[in-house]
Amino acid sequence: MGGYVRVFDHPYNAVTDAAGTFEIPNAPAGNYRVVYWHENVGFKGGKDGRFGAVVPLAAGPKGAMELPPTDFDVR
């Protein structure tokens, strides 16, 4: 049995579903950092990946956007 606890100072976080999609409702427009992590390999990009990749979220219809697929070598 395993477990994980993450503490955030904001309400914006998500876990992907089986298809790799996720939703973060009501996130305001701005620049965000998306952190890619997998339990078998850790952070994408190694220890520097713990800071995430900057992703701009522009205001738009329903505030929706789509991120391109990201390679993550899970062996």
PDB file of N, CA and C in Angstrom:
ATOM      1  N   MET A   1       0.846  -1.148   0.000  1.00  0.00           N
ATOM      2  CA  MET A   1       0.000   0.000   0.000  1.00  0.00           C
ATOM      3  C   MET A   1       0.900   1.221   0.000  1.00  0.00           C
ATOM      4  N   GLY A   2       0.507   2.228  -0.752  1.00  0.00           N
ATOM      5  CA  GLY A   2       1.262   3.468  -0.820  1.00  0.00           C
ATOM      6  C   GLY A   2       0.322   4.646  -0.697  1.00  0.00           C
ATOM      7  N   GLY A   3       0.868   5.767  -0.416  1.00  0.00           N
ATOM      8  CA  GLY A   3       0.058   6.969  -0.330  1.00  0.00           C
ATOM      9  C   GLY A   3       0.915   8.194  -0.569  1.00  0.00           C
ATOM     10  N   TYR A   4       0.289   9.263  -0.960  1.00  0.00           N
ATOM     11  CA  TYR A   4       0.990  10.516  -1.243  1.00  0.00           C
ATOM     12  C   TYR A   4       0.190  11.658  -0.653  1.00  0.00           C
ATOM     13  N   VAL A   5       0.876  12.634  -0.119  1.00  0.00           N
ATOM     14  CA  VAL A   5       0.227  13.828   0.405  1.00  0.00           C
ATOM     15  C   VAL A   5       0.903  15.018  -0.241  1.00  0.00           C
ATOM     16  N   ARG A   6       0.137  15.895  -0.804  1.00  0.00           N
ATOM     17  CA  ARG A   6       0.666  17.136  -1.380  1.00  0.00           C
ATOM     18  C   ARG A   6      -0.085  18.290  -0.732  1.00  0.00           C
ATOM     19  N   VAL A   7       0.631  19.317  -0.326  1.00  0.00           N
ATOM     20  CA  VAL A   7       0.020  20.476   0.311  1.00  0.00           C
ATOM     21  C   VAL A   7       0.228  21.672  -0.608  1.00  0.00           C
ATOM     22  N   PHE A   8      -0.848  22.356  -0.936  1.00  0.00           N
ATOM     23  CA  PHE A   8      -0.796  23.517  -1.820  1.00  0.00           C
ATOM     24  C   PHE A   8      -1.374  24.724  -1.090  1.00  0.00           C
ATOM     25  N   ASP A   9      -0.900  25.901  -1.427  1.00  0.00           N
ATOM     26  CA  ASP A   9      -1.476  27.104  -0.843  1.00  0.00           C
ATOM     27  C   ASP A   9      -2.500  27.729  -1.788  1.00  0.00           C
ATOM     28  N   HIS A  10      -3.103  26.897  -2.627  1.00  0.00           N
ATOM     29  CA  HIS A  10      -4.133  27.314  -3.567  1.00  0.00           C
ATOM     30  C   HIS A  10      -5.010  26.099  -3.879  1.00  0.00           C
ATOM     31  N   PRO A  11      -6.179  26.308  -4.468  1.00  0.00           N
ATOM     32  CA  PRO A  11      -7.073  25.182  -4.753  1.00  0.00           C
ATOM     33  C   PRO A  11      -6.894  24.568  -6.137  1.00  0.00           C
ATOM     34  N   TYR A  12      -5.812  24.889  -6.853  1.00  0.00           N
ATOM     35  CA  TYR A  12      -5.672  24.472  -8.246  1.00  0.00           C
ATOM     36  C   TYR A  12      -4.677  23.323  -8.402  1.00  0.00           C
ATOM     37  N   ASN A  13      -5.184  22.127  -8.539  1.00  0.00           N
ATOM     38  CA  ASN A  13      -4.355  20.959  -8.796  1.00  0.00           C
ATOM     39  C   ASN A  13      -5.233  19.897  -9.438  1.00  0.00           C
ATOM     40  N   ALA A  14      -4.604  18.895 -10.046  1.00  0.00           N
ATOM     41  CA  ALA A  14      -5.364  17.838 -10.712  1.00  0.00           C
ATOM     42  C   ALA A  14      -4.504  16.600 -10.871  1.00  0.00           C
ATOM     43  N   VAL A  15      -5.164  15.479 -11.053  1.00  0.00           N
ATOM     44  CA  VAL A  15      -4.529  14.212 -11.380  1.00  0.00           C
ATOM     45  C   VAL A  15      -5.148  13.756 -12.691  1.00  0.00           C
ATOM     46  N   THR A  16      -4.333  13.259 -13.609  1.00  0.00           N
ATOM     47  CA  THR A  16      -4.866  12.838 -14.902  1.00  0.00           C
ATOM     48  C   THR A  16      -5.710  11.576 -14.770  1.00  0.00           C
ATOM     49  N   ASP A  17      -6.638  11.414 -15.725  1.00  0.00           N
ATOM     50  CA  ASP A  17      -7.409  10.175 -15.776  1.00  0.00           C
ATOM     51  C   ASP A  17      -6.653   9.166 -16.633  1.00  0.00           C
ATOM     52  N   ALA A  18      -7.273   8.025 -16.918  1.00  0.00           N
ATOM     53  CA  ALA A  18      -6.607   6.964 -17.676  1.00  0.00           C
ATOM     54  C   ALA A  18      -6.210   7.420 -19.079  1.00  0.00           C
ATOM     55  N   ALA A  19      -6.911   8.399 -19.638  1.00  0.00           N
ATOM     56  CA  ALA A  19      -6.606   8.912 -20.978  1.00  0.00           C
ATOM     57  C   ALA A  19      -5.575  10.042 -20.933  1.00  0.00           C
ATOM     58  N   GLY A  20      -5.145  10.447 -19.734  1.00  0.00           N
ATOM     59  CA  GLY A  20      -4.160  11.518 -19.617  1.00  0.00           C
ATOM     60  C   GLY A  20      -4.753  12.908 -19.596  1.00  0.00           C
ATOM     61  N   THR A  21      -6.059  13.027 -19.491  1.00  0.00           N
ATOM     62  CA  THR A  21      -6.686  14.350 -19.465  1.00  0.00           C
ATOM     63  C   THR A  21      -6.942  14.781 -18.024  1.00  0.00           C
ATOM     64  N   PHE A  22      -7.016  16.070 -17.829  1.00  0.00           N
ATOM     65  CA  PHE A  22      -7.339  16.598 -16.510  1.00  0.00           C
ATOM     66  C   PHE A  22      -8.050  17.928 -16.661  1.00  0.00           C
ATOM     67  N   GLU A  23      -8.672  18.361 -15.604  1.00  0.00           N
ATOM     68  CA  GLU A  23      -9.405  19.620 -15.601  1.00  0.00           C
ATOM     69  C   GLU A  23      -9.127  20.337 -14.294  1.00  0.00           C
ATOM     70  N   ILE A  24      -8.925  21.648 -14.389  1.00  0.00           N
ATOM     71  CA  ILE A  24      -8.765  22.480 -13.204  1.00  0.00           C
ATOM     72  C   ILE A  24      -9.805  23.588 -13.320  1.00  0.00           C
ATOM     73  N   PRO A  25     -10.980  23.370 -12.772  1.00  0.00           N
ATOM     74  CA  PRO A  25     -12.061  24.345 -12.904  1.00  0.00           C
ATOM     75  C   PRO A  25     -11.735  25.679 -12.236  1.00  0.00           C
ATOM     76  N   ASN A  26     -12.188  26.753 -12.855  1.00  0.00           N
ATOM     77  CA  ASN A  26     -12.115  28.109 -12.297  1.00  0.00           C
ATOM     78  C   ASN A  26     -10.709  28.654 -12.094  1.00  0.00           C
ATOM     79  N   ALA A  27      -9.724  28.121 -12.809  1.00  0.00           N
ATOM     80  CA  ALA A  27      -8.364  28.667 -12.703  1.00  0.00           C
ATOM     81  C   ALA A  27      -8.326  30.019 -13.417  1.00  0.00           C
ATOM     82  N   PRO A  28      -7.866  31.071 -12.753  1.00  0.00           N
ATOM     83  CA  PRO A  28      -7.793  32.382 -13.402  1.00  0.00           C
ATOM     84  C   PRO A  28      -6.674  32.441 -14.443  1.00  0.00           C
ATOM     85  N   ALA A  29      -6.800  33.347 -15.397  1.00  0.00           N
ATOM     86  CA  ALA A  29      -5.775  33.534 -16.424  1.00  0.00           C
ATOM     87  C   ALA A  29      -4.461  33.931 -15.752  1.00  0.00           C
ATOM     88  N   GLY A  30      -3.344  33.500 -16.347  1.00  0.00           N
ATOM     89  CA  GLY A  30      -2.033  33.830 -15.813  1.00  0.00           C
ATOM     90  C   GLY A  30      -1.028  32.769 -16.195  1.00  0.00           C
ATOM     91  N   ASN A  31       0.183  32.877 -15.679  1.00  0.00           N
ATOM     92  CA  ASN A  31       1.229  31.887 -15.922  1.00  0.00           C
ATOM     93  C   ASN A  31       1.258  30.907 -14.764  1.00  0.00           C
ATOM     94  N   TYR A  32       1.301  29.624 -15.108  1.00  0.00           N
ATOM     95  CA  TYR A  32       1.307  28.573 -14.104  1.00  0.00           C
ATOM     96  C   TYR A  32       2.470  27.636 -14.354  1.00  0.00           C
ATOM     97  N   ARG A  33       2.821  26.868 -13.362  1.00  0.00           N
ATOM     98  CA  ARG A  33       3.846  25.840 -13.506  1.00  0.00           C
ATOM     99  C   ARG A  33       3.155  24.492 -13.399  1.00  0.00           C
ATOM    100  N   VAL A  34       3.337  23.673 -14.437  1.00  0.00           N
ATOM    101  CA  VAL A  34       2.796  22.323 -14.440  1.00  0.00           C
ATOM    102  C   VAL A  34       3.940  21.379 -14.117  1.00  0.00           C
ATOM    103  N   VAL A  35       3.766  20.588 -13.067  1.00  0.00           N
ATOM    104  CA  VAL A  35       4.782  19.639 -12.641  1.00  0.00           C
ATOM    105  C   VAL A  35       4.361  18.258 -13.106  1.00  0.00           C
ATOM    106  N   TYR A  36       5.259  17.587 -13.831  1.00  0.00           N
ATOM    107  CA  TYR A  36       5.020  16.234 -14.315  1.00  0.00           C
ATOM    108  C   TYR A  36       5.771  15.273 -13.399  1.00  0.00           C
ATOM    109  N   TRP A  37       5.041  14.331 -12.816  1.00  0.00           N
ATOM    110  CA  TRP A  37       5.644  13.390 -11.894  1.00  0.00           C
ATOM    111  C   TRP A  37       5.030  12.014 -12.091  1.00  0.00           C
ATOM    112  N   HIS A  38       5.833  10.974 -12.005  1.00  0.00           N
ATOM    113  CA  HIS A  38       5.347   9.605 -12.109  1.00  0.00           C
ATOM    114  C   HIS A  38       5.985   8.811 -10.985  1.00  0.00           C
ATOM    115  N   GLU A  39       5.202   7.930 -10.349  1.00  0.00           N
ATOM    116  CA  GLU A  39       5.718   7.207  -9.181  1.00  0.00           C
ATOM    117  C   GLU A  39       6.899   6.298  -9.478  1.00  0.00           C
ATOM    118  N   ASN A  40       7.085   5.859 -10.728  1.00  0.00           N
ATOM    119  CA  ASN A  40       8.213   4.987 -11.071  1.00  0.00           C
ATOM    120  C   ASN A  40       9.485   5.730 -11.442  1.00  0.00           C
ATOM    121  N   VAL A  41       9.369   6.949 -11.967  1.00  0.00           N
ATOM    122  CA  VAL A  41      10.568   7.649 -12.450  1.00  0.00           C
ATOM    123  C   VAL A  41      10.782   9.014 -11.809  1.00  0.00           C
ATOM    124  N   GLY A  42       9.837   9.494 -11.046  1.00  0.00           N
ATOM    125  CA  GLY A  42       9.985  10.799 -10.405  1.00  0.00           C
ATOM    126  C   GLY A  42       9.545  11.935 -11.312  1.00  0.00           C
ATOM    127  N   PHE A  43      10.244  13.066 -11.192  1.00  0.00           N
ATOM    128  CA  PHE A  43       9.880  14.266 -11.951  1.00  0.00           C
ATOM    129  C   PHE A  43      10.397  14.205 -13.378  1.00  0.00           C
ATOM    130  N   LYS A  44       9.625  14.712 -14.305  1.00  0.00           N
ATOM    131  CA  LYS A  44      10.109  14.853 -15.685  1.00  0.00           C
ATOM    132  C   LYS A  44      11.243  15.870 -15.649  1.00  0.00           C
ATOM    133  N   GLY A  45      12.385  15.515 -16.208  1.00  0.00           N
ATOM    134  CA  GLY A  45      13.532  16.418 -16.198  1.00  0.00           C
ATOM    135  C   GLY A  45      14.401  16.249 -14.959  1.00  0.00           C
ATOM    136  N   GLY A  46      14.175  15.188 -14.177  1.00  0.00           N
ATOM    137  CA  GLY A  46      14.989  14.961 -12.994  1.00  0.00           C
ATOM    138  C   GLY A  46      14.666  15.928 -11.875  1.00  0.00           C
ATOM    139  N   LYS A  47      15.633  16.178 -11.007  1.00  0.00           N
ATOM    140  CA  LYS A  47      15.365  17.015  -9.835  1.00  0.00           C
ATOM    141  C   LYS A  47      14.966  18.439 -10.206  1.00  0.00           C
ATOM    142  N   ASP A  48      15.476  18.960 -11.346  1.00  0.00           N
ATOM    143  CA  ASP A  48      15.077  20.306 -11.764  1.00  0.00           C
ATOM    144  C   ASP A  48      13.616  20.353 -12.188  1.00  0.00           C
ATOM    145  N   GLY A  49      13.066  19.201 -12.571  1.00  0.00           N
ATOM    146  CA  GLY A  49      11.675  19.137 -12.975  1.00  0.00           C
ATOM    147  C   GLY A  49      10.695  19.383 -11.851  1.00  0.00           C
ATOM    148  N   ARG A  50      11.174  19.354 -10.619  1.00  0.00           N
ATOM    149  CA  ARG A  50      10.273  19.587  -9.487  1.00  0.00           C
ATOM    150  C   ARG A  50       9.707  21.000  -9.484  1.00  0.00           C
ATOM    151  N   PHE A  51      10.339  21.908 -10.254  1.00  0.00           N
ATOM    152  CA  PHE A  51       9.845  23.279 -10.348  1.00  0.00           C
ATOM    153  C   PHE A  51       8.815  23.438 -11.460  1.00  0.00           C
ATOM    154  N   GLY A  52       8.647  22.411 -12.291  1.00  0.00           N
ATOM    155  CA  GLY A  52       7.626  22.420 -13.333  1.00  0.00           C
ATOM    156  C   GLY A  52       7.988  23.215 -14.565  1.00  0.00           C
ATOM    157  N   ALA A  53       7.065  23.198 -15.515  1.00  0.00           N
ATOM    158  CA  ALA A  53       7.200  23.937 -16.774  1.00  0.00           C
ATOM    159  C   ALA A  53       6.170  25.059 -16.781  1.00  0.00           C
ATOM    160  N   VAL A  54       6.577  26.252 -17.174  1.00  0.00           N
ATOM    161  CA  VAL A  54       5.658  27.394 -17.211  1.00  0.00           C
ATOM    162  C   VAL A  54       4.679  27.225 -18.361  1.00  0.00           C
ATOM    163  N   VAL A  55       3.397  27.361 -18.042  1.00  0.00           N
ATOM    164  CA  VAL A  55       2.330  27.246 -19.032  1.00  0.00           C
ATOM    165  C   VAL A  55       1.428  28.462 -18.876  1.00  0.00           C
ATOM    166  N   PRO A  56       1.294  29.291 -19.937  1.00  0.00           N
ATOM    167  CA  PRO A  56       0.394  30.439 -19.845  1.00  0.00           C
ATOM    168  C   PRO A  56      -1.050  29.998 -20.055  1.00  0.00           C
ATOM    169  N   LEU A  57      -1.952  30.491 -19.227  1.00  0.00           N
ATOM    170  CA  LEU A  57      -3.383  30.225 -19.378  1.00  0.00           C
ATOM    171  C   LEU A  57      -4.060  31.546 -19.697  1.00  0.00           C
ATOM    172  N   ALA A  58      -4.513  31.684 -20.933  1.00  0.00           N
ATOM    173  CA  ALA A  58      -5.154  32.913 -21.373  1.00  0.00           C
ATOM    174  C   ALA A  58      -6.643  32.868 -21.060  1.00  0.00           C
ATOM    175  N   ALA A  59      -7.215  34.018 -20.865  1.00  0.00           N
ATOM    176  CA  ALA A  59      -8.662  34.100 -20.690  1.00  0.00           C
ATOM    177  C   ALA A  59      -9.323  33.719 -22.008  1.00  0.00           C
ATOM    178  N   GLY A  60     -10.402  33.029 -21.955  1.00  0.00           N
ATOM    179  CA  GLY A  60     -11.076  32.592 -23.169  1.00  0.00           C
ATOM    180  C   GLY A  60     -12.392  31.950 -22.834  1.00  0.00           C
ATOM    181  N   PRO A  61     -13.027  31.362 -23.853  1.00  0.00           N
ATOM    182  CA  PRO A  61     -14.308  30.717 -23.607  1.00  0.00           C
ATOM    183  C   PRO A  61     -14.177  29.636 -22.533  1.00  0.00           C
ATOM    184  N   LYS A  62     -14.869  29.848 -21.459  1.00  0.00           N
ATOM    185  CA  LYS A  62     -14.840  28.918 -20.323  1.00  0.00           C
ATOM    186  C   LYS A  62     -13.436  28.756 -19.755  1.00  0.00           C
ATOM    187  N   GLY A  63     -12.497  29.609 -20.166  1.00  0.00           N
ATOM    188  CA  GLY A  63     -11.122  29.527 -19.684  1.00  0.00           C
ATOM    189  C   GLY A  63     -10.446  28.211 -20.059  1.00  0.00           C
ATOM    190  N   ALA A  64     -10.880  27.602 -21.157  1.00  0.00           N
ATOM    191  CA  ALA A  64     -10.363  26.291 -21.534  1.00  0.00           C
ATOM    192  C   ALA A  64      -9.146  26.409 -22.429  1.00  0.00           C
ATOM    193  N   MET A  65      -8.249  25.438 -22.311  1.00  0.00           N
ATOM    194  CA  MET A  65      -7.098  25.347 -23.195  1.00  0.00           C
ATOM    195  C   MET A  65      -6.672  23.888 -23.264  1.00  0.00           C
ATOM    196  N   GLU A  66      -5.859  23.579 -24.230  1.00  0.00           N
ATOM    197  CA  GLU A  66      -5.371  22.215 -24.371  1.00  0.00           C
ATOM    198  C   GLU A  66      -3.853  22.243 -24.418  1.00  0.00           C
ATOM    199  N   LEU A  67      -3.217  21.418 -23.598  1.00  0.00           N
ATOM    200  CA  LEU A  67      -1.767  21.297 -23.613  1.00  0.00           C
ATOM    201  C   LEU A  67      -1.384  20.200 -24.589  1.00  0.00           C
ATOM    202  N   PRO A  68      -0.294  20.383 -25.320  1.00  0.00           N
ATOM    203  CA  PRO A  68       0.147  19.320 -26.221  1.00  0.00           C
ATOM    204  C   PRO A  68       0.632  18.123 -25.409  1.00  0.00           C
ATOM    205  N   PRO A  69       0.597  16.928 -25.998  1.00  0.00           N
ATOM    206  CA  PRO A  69       1.112  15.756 -25.278  1.00  0.00           C
ATOM    207  C   PRO A  69       2.572  15.968 -24.890  1.00  0.00           C
ATOM    208  N   THR A  70       2.969  15.395 -23.777  1.00  0.00           N
ATOM    209  CA  THR A  70       4.329  15.532 -23.264  1.00  0.00           C
ATOM    210  C   THR A  70       4.979  14.158 -23.159  1.00  0.00           C
ATOM    211  N   ASP A  71       6.174  14.019 -23.743  1.00  0.00           N
ATOM    212  CA  ASP A  71       6.908  12.775 -23.616  1.00  0.00           C
ATOM    213  C   ASP A  71       7.398  12.614 -22.189  1.00  0.00           C
ATOM    214  N   PHE A  72       7.191  11.427 -21.665  1.00  0.00           N
ATOM    215  CA  PHE A  72       7.635  11.129 -20.308  1.00  0.00           C
ATOM    216  C   PHE A  72       8.051   9.670 -20.337  1.00  0.00           C
ATOM    217  N   ASP A  73       9.342   9.411 -20.341  1.00  0.00           N
ATOM    218  CA  ASP A  73       9.860   8.057 -20.509  1.00  0.00           C
ATOM    219  C   ASP A  73       9.669   7.245 -19.224  1.00  0.00           C
ATOM    220  N   VAL A  74       8.633   6.415 -19.225  1.00  0.00           N
ATOM    221  CA  VAL A  74       8.351   5.567 -18.075  1.00  0.00           C
ATOM    222  C   VAL A  74       8.720   4.139 -18.461  1.00  0.00           C
ATOM    223  N   ARG A  75       9.781   3.634 -17.910  1.00  0.00           N
ATOM    224  CA  ARG A  75      10.250   2.276 -18.240  1.00  0.00           C
ATOM    225  C   ARG A  75      10.024   1.326 -17.112  1.00  0.00           C
TER     226      ARG A  75
END
